[in-house]
Amino acid sequence: MSESYHQRRSEIGAYFDRTAAEAWKRLTSDMPVGRIRATVRAGRDAMRSELLSYLPEDLKGARVLDAGCGTGAMSQALAERGAEVVAVDLSPQLVKVAEDRTPQHLLSRIHYRAGDMTSPALGRFDFCVAMDSVIHYEQHDMVACLAKLAERTETAIAFTFAPSTTLLEAMHKVGKLFPRGNRSPAIVPQKAESFRHLLHKATGMVPRRNRRISSGFYISHAQELIRP
């Protein structure tokens, strides 16, 4: 992976582990939140359901990577389907929250790790899920990251990217005007068709089902990649 990937990875890890950990814990819980964050919560819930719909209902015997597991909601849903889940996130704080929130009967099926989702040490998988975990990287790093995941995924990858919309492009440009210490790592919008072409070329996997989820300030695009 490139130097720019490692630099951005460090920024993302520091942001979620130090600056945003408490806010993220609240957002991903059932605690009351403001109107704007409520739309983000609803959008994330809808996106999680969308990505899960791309995977088999019965995952018994399957090994699944939850790349960027956050506070563990996706990992728990995968384990409920019978999967052996490796759940990795850059933020040790969020991984600890995920472990604390996991019901006892699922703990034996989920292996939580703090670290890099592209690490070969995590092993090989039948499926990989990456919800809103590559959206902060520049396109060449995002494609390289997904190619690394594809090398260790036998069947399919379900992930999200930020679609190129007028709103997101404007937010991306305006965000660059503020000092880095005052903002979260930027989301990098992608033009869907050209992005899919790059992914097919880099991963050897075929783009299949996809859907955009828009809920207030939450805008993200689900994409499935399958082995031909």
C-alpha atoms as a PDB file:
ATOM      1  CA  MET A   1       0.000   0.000   0.000  1.00  0.00           C
ATOM      2  CA  SER A   2       1.154   3.548  -0.795  1.00  0.00           C
ATOM      3  CA  GLU A   3       2.529   6.194   1.537  1.00  0.00           C
ATOM      4  CA  SER A   4      -0.656   8.231   1.043  1.00  0.00           C
ATOM      5  CA  TYR A   5      -2.737   5.230   2.184  1.00  0.00           C
ATOM      6  CA  HIS A   6      -0.712   4.834   5.363  1.00  0.00           C
ATOM      7  CA  GLN A   7      -0.895   8.567   6.089  1.00  0.00           C
ATOM      8  CA  ARG A   8      -4.663   8.661   5.648  1.00  0.00           C
ATOM      9  CA  ARG A   9      -5.059   5.447   7.636  1.00  0.00           C
ATOM     10  CA  SER A  10      -3.215   7.103  10.531  1.00  0.00           C
ATOM     11  CA  GLU A  11      -5.471  10.184  10.320  1.00  0.00           C
ATOM     12  CA  ILE A  12      -8.641   8.077  10.261  1.00  0.00           C
ATOM     13  CA  GLY A  13      -7.510   5.932  13.189  1.00  0.00           C
ATOM     14  CA  ALA A  14      -6.591   8.966  15.288  1.00  0.00           C
ATOM     15  CA  TYR A  15      -9.894  10.706  14.497  1.00  0.00           C
ATOM     16  CA  PHE A  16     -12.131   7.784  15.442  1.00  0.00           C
ATOM     17  CA  ASP A  17     -10.022   6.717  18.422  1.00  0.00           C
ATOM     18  CA  ARG A  18      -9.602  10.163  19.995  1.00  0.00           C
ATOM     19  CA  THR A  19     -11.881  12.843  18.562  1.00  0.00           C
ATOM     20  CA  ALA A  20     -15.031  10.974  17.535  1.00  0.00           C
ATOM     21  CA  ALA A  21     -15.116   7.891  19.773  1.00  0.00           C
ATOM     22  CA  GLU A  22     -17.783   9.130  22.196  1.00  0.00           C
ATOM     23  CA  ALA A  23     -19.969  10.599  19.457  1.00  0.00           C
ATOM     24  CA  TRP A  24     -19.689   7.372  17.455  1.00  0.00           C
ATOM     25  CA  LYS A  25     -20.613   5.275  20.476  1.00  0.00           C
ATOM     26  CA  ARG A  26     -23.755   7.376  20.926  1.00  0.00           C
ATOM     27  CA  LEU A  27     -24.656   7.390  17.218  1.00  0.00           C
ATOM     28  CA  THR A  28     -24.436   3.598  16.998  1.00  0.00           C
ATOM     29  CA  SER A  29     -26.457   3.000  20.161  1.00  0.00           C
ATOM     30  CA  ASP A  30     -30.168   3.447  20.873  1.00  0.00           C
ATOM     31  CA  MET A  31     -29.525   6.623  22.892  1.00  0.00           C
ATOM     32  CA  PRO A  32     -31.372   9.817  21.832  1.00  0.00           C
ATOM     33  CA  VAL A  33     -29.571  11.932  19.234  1.00  0.00           C
ATOM     34  CA  GLY A  34     -30.359  15.164  17.387  1.00  0.00           C
ATOM     35  CA  ARG A  35     -32.397  15.353  14.197  1.00  0.00           C
ATOM     36  CA  ILE A  36     -29.410  15.359  11.839  1.00  0.00           C
ATOM     37  CA  ARG A  37     -27.673  12.455  13.553  1.00  0.00           C
ATOM     38  CA  ALA A  38     -30.962  10.568  13.606  1.00  0.00           C
ATOM     39  CA  THR A  39     -31.025  10.686   9.787  1.00  0.00           C
ATOM     40  CA  VAL A  40     -27.437   9.397   9.708  1.00  0.00           C
ATOM     41  CA  ARG A  41     -28.348   6.581  12.090  1.00  0.00           C
ATOM     42  CA  ALA A  42     -31.346   5.642   9.929  1.00  0.00           C
ATOM     43  CA  GLY A  43     -29.194   5.735   6.793  1.00  0.00           C
ATOM     44  CA  ARG A  44     -26.557   3.496   8.342  1.00  0.00           C
ATOM     45  CA  ASP A  45     -29.205   1.019   9.497  1.00  0.00           C
ATOM     46  CA  ALA A  46     -30.622   0.898   5.963  1.00  0.00           C
ATOM     47  CA  MET A  47     -27.165   0.451   4.466  1.00  0.00           C
ATOM     48  CA  ARG A  48     -26.305  -2.370   6.840  1.00  0.00           C
ATOM     49  CA  SER A  49     -29.482  -4.170   5.795  1.00  0.00           C
ATOM     50  CA  GLU A  50     -28.659  -3.589   2.121  1.00  0.00           C
ATOM     51  CA  LEU A  51     -25.163  -5.052   2.382  1.00  0.00           C
ATOM     52  CA  LEU A  52     -26.430  -8.009   4.397  1.00  0.00           C
ATOM     53  CA  SER A  53     -28.967  -8.718   1.635  1.00  0.00           C
ATOM     54  CA  TYR A  54     -26.023  -9.393  -0.720  1.00  0.00           C
ATOM     55  CA  LEU A  55     -24.841 -12.286   1.474  1.00  0.00           C
ATOM     56  CA  PRO A  56     -26.498 -15.681   2.046  1.00  0.00           C
ATOM     57  CA  GLU A  57     -28.969 -15.926   4.912  1.00  0.00           C
ATOM     58  CA  ASP A  58     -27.185 -19.089   6.049  1.00  0.00           C
ATOM     59  CA  LEU A  59     -23.480 -18.441   6.610  1.00  0.00           C
ATOM     60  CA  LYS A  60     -22.711 -21.548   8.638  1.00  0.00           C
ATOM     61  CA  GLY A  61     -19.190 -22.690   7.802  1.00  0.00           C
ATOM     62  CA  ALA A  62     -18.299 -19.388   6.110  1.00  0.00           C
ATOM     63  CA  ARG A  63     -15.454 -17.145   7.205  1.00  0.00           C
ATOM     64  CA  VAL A  64     -16.320 -13.445   6.823  1.00  0.00           C
ATOM     65  CA  LEU A  65     -14.191 -10.317   7.218  1.00  0.00           C
ATOM     66  CA  ASP A  66     -15.937  -7.255   8.641  1.00  0.00           C
ATOM     67  CA  ALA A  67     -13.452  -4.644   7.411  1.00  0.00           C
ATOM     68  CA  GLY A  68     -13.930  -1.532   9.523  1.00  0.00           C
ATOM     69  CA  CYS A  69     -16.221  -3.095  12.110  1.00  0.00           C
ATOM     70  CA  GLY A  70     -16.715   0.035  14.242  1.00  0.00           C
ATOM     71  CA  THR A  71     -18.910  -0.777  17.217  1.00  0.00           C
ATOM     72  CA  GLY A  72     -19.816  -4.231  15.926  1.00  0.00           C
ATOM     73  CA  ALA A  73     -23.408  -4.144  14.621  1.00  0.00           C
ATOM     74  CA  MET A  74     -22.491  -5.741  11.273  1.00  0.00           C
ATOM     75  CA  SER A  75     -20.285  -8.356  12.926  1.00  0.00           C
ATOM     76  CA  GLN A  76     -23.112  -9.398  15.234  1.00  0.00           C
ATOM     77  CA  ALA A  77     -25.556  -9.682  12.316  1.00  0.00           C
ATOM     78  CA  LEU A  78     -23.093 -11.883  10.408  1.00  0.00           C
ATOM     79  CA  ALA A  79     -22.486 -14.070  13.458  1.00  0.00           C
ATOM     80  CA  GLU A  80     -26.258 -14.458  13.932  1.00  0.00           C
ATOM     81  CA  ARG A  81     -26.289 -16.058  10.466  1.00  0.00           C
ATOM     82  CA  GLY A  82     -23.706 -18.573  11.639  1.00  0.00           C
ATOM     83  CA  ALA A  83     -20.531 -17.058  10.188  1.00  0.00           C
ATOM     84  CA  GLU A  84     -17.099 -17.092  11.756  1.00  0.00           C
ATOM     85  CA  VAL A  85     -16.350 -13.360  11.720  1.00  0.00           C
ATOM     86  CA  VAL A  86     -13.022 -11.583  11.843  1.00  0.00           C
ATOM     87  CA  ALA A  87     -13.889  -7.996  12.813  1.00  0.00           C
ATOM     88  CA  VAL A  88     -11.117  -5.435  12.384  1.00  0.00           C
ATOM     89  CA  ASP A  89     -11.033  -1.677  12.932  1.00  0.00           C
ATOM     90  CA  LEU A  90      -8.350   0.987  13.159  1.00  0.00           C
ATOM     91  CA  SER A  91      -9.722   2.262  16.469  1.00  0.00           C
ATOM     92  CA  PRO A  92      -8.947   0.153  19.559  1.00  0.00           C
ATOM     93  CA  GLN A  93     -11.565   2.162  21.458  1.00  0.00           C
ATOM     94  CA  LEU A  94     -14.338   1.227  19.033  1.00  0.00           C
ATOM     95  CA  VAL A  95     -13.209  -2.397  18.992  1.00  0.00           C
ATOM     96  CA  LYS A  96     -13.508  -2.436  22.789  1.00  0.00           C
ATOM     97  CA  VAL A  97     -17.042  -1.010  22.527  1.00  0.00           C
ATOM     98  CA  ALA A  98     -17.895  -3.709  19.969  1.00  0.00           C
ATOM     99  CA  GLU A  99     -16.656  -6.444  22.267  1.00  0.00           C
ATOM    100  CA  ASP A 100     -18.631  -5.034  25.209  1.00  0.00           C
ATOM    101  CA  ARG A 101     -21.813  -4.827  23.125  1.00  0.00           C
ATOM    102  CA  THR A 102     -21.609  -8.342  21.692  1.00  0.00           C
ATOM    103  CA  PRO A 103     -24.041 -10.813  23.302  1.00  0.00           C
ATOM    104  CA  GLN A 104     -22.338 -13.665  25.105  1.00  0.00           C
ATOM    105  CA  HIS A 105     -23.693 -16.322  22.749  1.00  0.00           C
ATOM    106  CA  LEU A 106     -21.980 -14.627  19.764  1.00  0.00           C
ATOM    107  CA  LEU A 107     -18.556 -13.957  21.286  1.00  0.00           C
ATOM    108  CA  SER A 108     -17.168 -17.347  20.237  1.00  0.00           C
ATOM    109  CA  ARG A 109     -17.979 -16.586  16.580  1.00  0.00           C
ATOM    110  CA  ILE A 110     -16.480 -13.087  16.400  1.00  0.00           C
ATOM    111  CA  HIS A 111     -12.743 -12.441  16.585  1.00  0.00           C
ATOM    112  CA  TYR A 112     -12.183  -8.720  17.171  1.00  0.00           C
ATOM    113  CA  ARG A 113      -8.919  -7.102  16.099  1.00  0.00           C
ATOM    114  CA  ALA A 114      -7.531  -3.560  16.132  1.00  0.00           C
ATOM    115  CA  GLY A 115      -5.468  -2.988  13.005  1.00  0.00           C
ATOM    116  CA  ASP A 116      -5.367  -2.702   9.224  1.00  0.00           C
ATOM    117  CA  MET A 117      -8.087  -4.470   7.230  1.00  0.00           C
ATOM    118  CA  THR A 118      -5.608  -5.219   4.410  1.00  0.00           C
ATOM    119  CA  SER A 119      -3.247  -7.215   6.635  1.00  0.00           C
ATOM    120  CA  PRO A 120      -2.525 -10.689   5.186  1.00  0.00           C
ATOM    121  CA  ALA A 121      -2.217 -11.940   8.773  1.00  0.00           C
ATOM    122  CA  LEU A 122      -6.017 -11.881   9.014  1.00  0.00           C
ATOM    123  CA  GLY A 123      -6.156 -14.836   6.619  1.00  0.00           C
ATOM    124  CA  ARG A 124      -8.529 -15.767   3.820  1.00  0.00           C
ATOM    125  CA  PHE A 125     -12.303 -15.355   3.673  1.00  0.00           C
ATOM    126  CA  ASP A 126     -15.391 -16.540   1.854  1.00  0.00           C
ATOM    127  CA  PHE A 127     -16.952 -13.068   2.015  1.00  0.00           C
ATOM    128  CA  CYS A 128     -15.836  -9.568   2.934  1.00  0.00           C
ATOM    129  CA  VAL A 129     -18.006  -6.663   4.073  1.00  0.00           C
ATOM    130  CA  ALA A 130     -16.665  -3.104   4.234  1.00  0.00           C
ATOM    131  CA  MET A 131     -19.350  -0.607   5.233  1.00  0.00           C
ATOM    132  CA  ASP A 132     -18.234   3.034   4.969  1.00  0.00           C
ATOM    133  CA  SER A 133     -14.638   2.015   5.714  1.00  0.00           C
ATOM    134  CA  VAL A 134     -12.857   2.924   2.453  1.00  0.00           C
ATOM    135  CA  ILE A 135     -14.755   6.155   1.742  1.00  0.00           C
ATOM    136  CA  HIS A 136     -12.036   8.425   3.159  1.00  0.00           C
ATOM    137  CA  TYR A 137      -9.262   7.265   0.814  1.00  0.00           C
ATOM    138  CA  GLU A 138      -8.296   8.784  -2.531  1.00  0.00           C
ATOM    139  CA  GLN A 139      -9.443   6.720  -5.493  1.00  0.00           C
ATOM    140  CA  HIS A 140      -6.099   5.009  -6.213  1.00  0.00           C
ATOM    141  CA  ASP A 141      -5.774   3.979  -2.564  1.00  0.00           C
ATOM    142  CA  MET A 142      -9.390   2.846  -2.366  1.00  0.00           C
ATOM    143  CA  VAL A 143      -8.974   0.662  -5.444  1.00  0.00           C
ATOM    144  CA  ALA A 144      -5.684  -0.749  -4.116  1.00  0.00           C
ATOM    145  CA  CYS A 145      -7.301  -1.495  -0.757  1.00  0.00           C
ATOM    146  CA  LEU A 146     -10.209  -3.353  -2.349  1.00  0.00           C
ATOM    147  CA  ALA A 147      -7.779  -5.231  -4.597  1.00  0.00           C
ATOM    148  CA  LYS A 148      -5.899  -6.382  -1.481  1.00  0.00           C
ATOM    149  CA  LEU A 149      -9.156  -7.549   0.073  1.00  0.00           C
ATOM    150  CA  ALA A 150     -10.094  -9.320  -3.169  1.00  0.00           C
ATOM    151  CA  GLU A 151      -6.841 -11.300  -3.086  1.00  0.00           C
ATOM    152  CA  ARG A 152      -8.063 -12.975   0.122  1.00  0.00           C
ATOM    153  CA  THR A 153     -11.797 -13.232  -0.652  1.00  0.00           C
ATOM    154  CA  GLU A 154     -13.113 -16.334  -2.394  1.00  0.00           C
ATOM    155  CA  THR A 155     -16.707 -15.426  -3.240  1.00  0.00           C
ATOM    156  CA  ALA A 156     -17.858 -11.816  -2.899  1.00  0.00           C
ATOM    157  CA  ILE A 157     -17.196  -8.391  -1.407  1.00  0.00           C
ATOM    158  CA  ALA A 158     -19.997  -6.078  -0.287  1.00  0.00           C
ATOM    159  CA  PHE A 159     -18.796  -2.545   0.355  1.00  0.00           C
ATOM    160  CA  THR A 160     -19.785   1.111   0.125  1.00  0.00           C
ATOM    161  CA  PHE A 161     -18.405   4.172  -1.606  1.00  0.00           C
ATOM    162  CA  ALA A 162     -19.411   7.826  -1.587  1.00  0.00           C
ATOM    163  CA  PRO A 163     -21.253   8.593  -4.834  1.00  0.00           C
ATOM    164  CA  SER A 164     -20.367  11.709  -6.800  1.00  0.00           C
ATOM    165  CA  THR A 165     -23.305  14.033  -6.138  1.00  0.00           C
ATOM    166  CA  THR A 166     -23.465  17.817  -6.246  1.00  0.00           C
ATOM    167  CA  LEU A 167     -23.820  17.963  -2.461  1.00  0.00           C
ATOM    168  CA  LEU A 168     -20.929  15.601  -1.672  1.00  0.00           C
ATOM    169  CA  GLU A 169     -18.616  17.213  -4.226  1.00  0.00           C
ATOM    170  CA  ALA A 170     -19.352  20.631  -2.706  1.00  0.00           C
ATOM    171  CA  MET A 171     -18.797  19.359   0.835  1.00  0.00           C
ATOM    172  CA  HIS A 172     -15.519  17.755  -0.248  1.00  0.00           C
ATOM    173  CA  LYS A 173     -14.239  21.006  -1.770  1.00  0.00           C
ATOM    174  CA  VAL A 174     -15.369  23.219   1.118  1.00  0.00           C
ATOM    175  CA  GLY A 175     -13.912  20.827   3.677  1.00  0.00           C
ATOM    176  CA  LYS A 176     -10.441  21.316   2.225  1.00  0.00           C
ATOM    177  CA  LEU A 177     -10.598  25.003   3.191  1.00  0.00           C
ATOM    178  CA  PHE A 178     -10.572  24.242   6.925  1.00  0.00           C
ATOM    179  CA  PRO A 179      -7.474  23.407   8.992  1.00  0.00           C
ATOM    180  CA  ARG A 180      -7.000  19.635   9.179  1.00  0.00           C
ATOM    181  CA  GLY A 181      -7.207  19.575  12.966  1.00  0.00           C
ATOM    182  CA  ASN A 182     -10.750  21.011  12.885  1.00  0.00           C
ATOM    183  CA  ARG A 183     -12.368  18.438  10.643  1.00  0.00           C
ATOM    184  CA  SER A 184     -12.834  14.734  10.166  1.00  0.00           C
ATOM    185  CA  PRO A 185     -11.002  12.944   7.341  1.00  0.00           C
ATOM    186  CA  ALA A 186     -12.678  13.955   4.075  1.00  0.00           C
ATOM    187  CA  ILE A 187     -15.041  11.636   2.240  1.00  0.00           C
ATOM    188  CA  VAL A 188     -13.864  11.202  -1.369  1.00  0.00           C
ATOM    189  CA  PRO A 189     -16.774  10.963  -3.874  1.00  0.00           C
ATOM    190  CA  GLN A 190     -16.495   8.537  -6.805  1.00  0.00           C
ATOM    191  CA  LYS A 191     -18.133   8.559 -10.242  1.00  0.00           C
ATOM    192  CA  ALA A 192     -19.906   5.210 -10.166  1.00  0.00           C
ATOM    193  CA  GLU A 193     -19.411   3.843 -13.687  1.00  0.00           C
ATOM    194  CA  SER A 194     -15.729   4.697 -14.075  1.00  0.00           C
ATOM    195  CA  PHE A 195     -15.073   3.538 -10.514  1.00  0.00           C
ATOM    196  CA  ARG A 196     -16.677   0.153 -11.205  1.00  0.00           C
ATOM    197  CA  HIS A 197     -14.540  -0.224 -14.326  1.00  0.00           C
ATOM    198  CA  LEU A 198     -11.374   0.415 -12.303  1.00  0.00           C
ATOM    199  CA  LEU A 199     -12.471  -2.065  -9.645  1.00  0.00           C
ATOM    200  CA  HIS A 200     -13.137  -4.812 -12.189  1.00  0.00           C
ATOM    201  CA  LYS A 201      -9.719  -4.267 -13.746  1.00  0.00           C
ATOM    202  CA  ALA A 202      -7.892  -4.186 -10.388  1.00  0.00           C
ATOM    203  CA  THR A 203      -9.710  -6.999  -8.571  1.00  0.00           C
ATOM    204  CA  GLY A 204     -10.806  -9.381 -11.330  1.00  0.00           C
ATOM    205  CA  MET A 205     -14.232  -9.389  -9.663  1.00  0.00           C
ATOM    206  CA  VAL A 206     -17.479  -8.422 -11.387  1.00  0.00           C
ATOM    207  CA  PRO A 207     -19.649  -5.538 -10.112  1.00  0.00           C
ATOM    208  CA  ARG A 208     -23.196  -6.781  -9.618  1.00  0.00           C
ATOM    209  CA  ARG A 209     -25.950  -5.493  -7.327  1.00  0.00           C
ATOM    210  CA  ASN A 210     -25.749  -1.902  -6.135  1.00  0.00           C
ATOM    211  CA  ARG A 211     -27.971   0.709  -4.507  1.00  0.00           C
ATOM    212  CA  ARG A 212     -27.669   4.268  -3.239  1.00  0.00           C
ATOM    213  CA  ILE A 213     -28.939   5.051   0.265  1.00  0.00           C
ATOM    214  CA  SER A 214     -29.824   8.669   1.040  1.00  0.00           C
ATOM    215  CA  SER A 215     -31.083   9.687   4.465  1.00  0.00           C
ATOM    216  CA  GLY A 216     -30.637  13.327   5.380  1.00  0.00           C
ATOM    217  CA  PHE A 217     -26.907  13.905   5.742  1.00  0.00           C
ATOM    218  CA  TYR A 218     -26.114  10.250   5.070  1.00  0.00           C
ATOM    219  CA  ILE A 219     -25.405   9.466   1.404  1.00  0.00           C
ATOM    220  CA  SER A 220     -23.601   6.256   0.494  1.00  0.00           C
ATOM    221  CA  HIS A 221     -23.667   3.679  -2.307  1.00  0.00           C
ATOM    222  CA  ALA A 222     -23.692  -0.080  -1.777  1.00  0.00           C
ATOM    223  CA  GLN A 223     -21.762  -2.210  -4.264  1.00  0.00           C
ATOM    224  CA  GLU A 224     -21.347  -5.960  -4.641  1.00  0.00           C
ATOM    225  CA  LEU A 225     -18.300  -7.538  -6.309  1.00  0.00           C
ATOM    226  CA  ILE A 226     -18.446 -11.265  -7.167  1.00  0.00           C
ATOM    227  CA  ARG A 227     -16.082 -13.852  -8.562  1.00  0.00           C
ATOM    228  CA  PRO A 228     -16.870 -14.533 -12.251  1.00  0.00           C
END
